[in-house]
Protein backbone atom coordinates (compact mmCIF):
# COMPACT_ATOMS: atom_id res chain seq x y z
CA UNK A 1 -42.52 -29.08 34.10
CA UNK A 2 -39.69 -29.08 31.44
CA UNK A 3 -37.81 -32.08 29.96
CA UNK A 4 -34.93 -31.59 33.02
CA UNK A 5 -37.29 -31.97 35.44
CA UNK A 6 -39.13 -34.82 34.73
CA UNK A 7 -38.23 -38.78 35.98
CA UNK A 8 -35.58 -40.35 33.53
CA UNK A 9 -33.59 -43.80 33.36
CA UNK A 10 -30.12 -44.39 32.44
CA UNK A 11 -29.73 -47.28 30.36
CA UNK A 12 -26.53 -49.09 30.22
CA UNK A 13 -25.87 -51.87 28.00
CA UNK A 14 -22.46 -54.39 28.20
CA UNK A 15 -21.18 -56.96 26.43
CA UNK A 16 -18.65 -59.63 28.15
CA UNK A 17 -16.80 -62.75 27.51
CA UNK A 18 -18.69 -65.77 29.44
CA UNK A 19 -15.42 -65.92 31.32
CA UNK A 20 -16.14 -62.19 32.85
CA UNK A 21 -19.45 -62.76 33.58
CA UNK A 22 -18.84 -63.62 37.45
CA UNK A 23 -16.25 -60.82 37.84
CA UNK A 24 -18.87 -58.48 36.35
CA UNK A 25 -21.95 -59.23 38.51
CA UNK A 26 -19.39 -59.26 41.56
CA UNK A 27 -18.52 -55.82 40.68
CA UNK A 28 -22.41 -54.60 40.13
CA UNK A 29 -23.64 -56.23 43.27
CA UNK A 30 -20.72 -55.80 46.15
CA UNK A 31 -19.42 -52.11 44.49
CA UNK A 32 -21.46 -50.29 41.58
CA UNK A 33 -24.84 -51.01 42.60
CA UNK A 34 -24.92 -49.52 46.22
CA UNK A 35 -21.96 -46.64 45.01
CA UNK A 36 -24.57 -45.45 42.53
CA UNK A 37 -27.46 -46.06 44.81
CA UNK A 38 -25.81 -44.09 47.34
CA UNK A 39 -25.48 -40.81 45.06
CA UNK A 40 -28.37 -38.41 45.18
CA UNK A 41 -30.76 -38.58 42.53
CA UNK A 42 -30.33 -42.39 41.73
CA UNK A 43 -33.40 -44.09 42.67
CA UNK A 44 -33.15 -47.80 41.71
CA UNK A 45 -31.26 -50.31 39.42
CA UNK A 46 -32.42 -53.29 37.57
CA UNK A 47 -30.21 -55.44 35.65
CA UNK A 48 -30.83 -58.12 33.11
CA UNK A 49 -29.25 -60.55 31.08
CA UNK A 50 -30.28 -61.11 27.37
CA UNK A 51 -32.32 -64.09 26.55
CA UNK A 52 -30.90 -64.15 23.35
CA UNK A 53 -28.78 -62.21 21.43
CA UNK A 54 -26.14 -59.36 22.28
CA UNK A 55 -25.67 -56.86 24.37
CA UNK A 56 -25.79 -59.69 27.04
CA UNK A 57 -26.23 -57.20 30.10
CA UNK A 58 -28.58 -54.55 30.65
CA UNK A 59 -28.62 -52.21 33.24
CA UNK A 60 -31.53 -49.97 34.11
CA UNK A 61 -31.21 -46.61 36.85
CA UNK A 62 -34.25 -44.53 37.63
CA UNK A 63 -33.00 -40.95 38.13
CA UNK A 64 -35.36 -38.23 40.02
CA UNK A 65 -34.02 -36.21 36.45
CA UNK A 66 -31.54 -36.68 33.49
CA UNK A 67 -29.08 -34.09 35.23
CA UNK A 68 -28.08 -36.41 37.62
CA UNK A 69 -26.21 -38.91 34.72
CA UNK A 70 -24.82 -35.77 33.34
CA UNK A 71 -22.66 -35.37 36.41
CA UNK A 72 -21.25 -38.84 36.11
CA UNK A 73 -20.22 -38.54 32.12
CA UNK A 74 -18.54 -34.96 33.01
CA UNK A 75 -16.59 -37.15 34.85
CA UNK A 76 -18.07 -36.30 38.51
CA UNK A 77 -17.10 -39.74 39.80
CA UNK A 78 -13.74 -41.57 40.20
CA UNK A 79 -13.03 -44.79 39.11
CA UNK A 80 -12.15 -47.47 41.51
CA UNK A 81 -9.11 -50.22 40.34
CA UNK A 82 -11.79 -52.61 40.03
CA UNK A 83 -14.31 -50.87 37.96
CA UNK A 84 -11.35 -50.04 35.65
CA UNK A 85 -10.36 -53.83 35.31
CA UNK A 86 -14.01 -54.86 34.85
CA UNK A 87 -14.69 -52.17 32.56
CA UNK A 88 -11.38 -53.06 30.29
CA UNK A 89 -12.82 -56.53 29.61
CA UNK A 90 -15.92 -55.06 27.99
CA UNK A 91 -16.28 -56.21 24.26
CA UNK A 92 -18.55 -53.23 23.49
CA UNK A 93 -21.08 -50.96 25.64
CA UNK A 94 -23.43 -47.97 25.60
CA UNK A 95 -25.03 -45.35 27.28
CA UNK A 96 -27.71 -43.18 26.80
CA UNK A 97 -30.29 -41.10 29.14
CA UNK A 98 -34.22 -41.06 28.53
CA UNK A 99 -36.34 -38.48 30.00
CA UNK A 100 -40.15 -39.52 30.59
CA UNK A 101 -42.18 -37.64 28.44
CA UNK A 102 -44.99 -35.65 29.47
CA UNK A 103 -48.92 -36.84 29.00
CA UNK A 104 -50.35 -35.71 26.02
CA UNK A 105 -51.14 -32.02 26.34
CA UNK A 106 -48.92 -31.06 28.44
CA UNK A 107 -46.82 -28.17 27.04
CA UNK A 108 -43.49 -30.08 28.24
CA UNK A 109 -44.10 -32.94 26.25
CA UNK A 110 -42.22 -31.98 23.04
């Protein structure tokens, strides 16, 4: 099994001002989360708030394979007005796709 065929996670971190937290949470719960989980290849989404430090928020999406997130990164989904408004308030954010490692000894583990 090659890297592109292995399960993956999409990790997104976001930093927002405290006054924007409620709107961010509402957007994730009402629009973004349901939208992502309706797409083929998106299996689960879990969100976290930092106990201390920053970035403040972390979202972890489990994916069938890493190519699922590549479509979005290449502009495969259109941004809603709400998404644009929420993202405009992000002070900082980062996004990365991580592929599950193969078991030791598997030729695809590199």
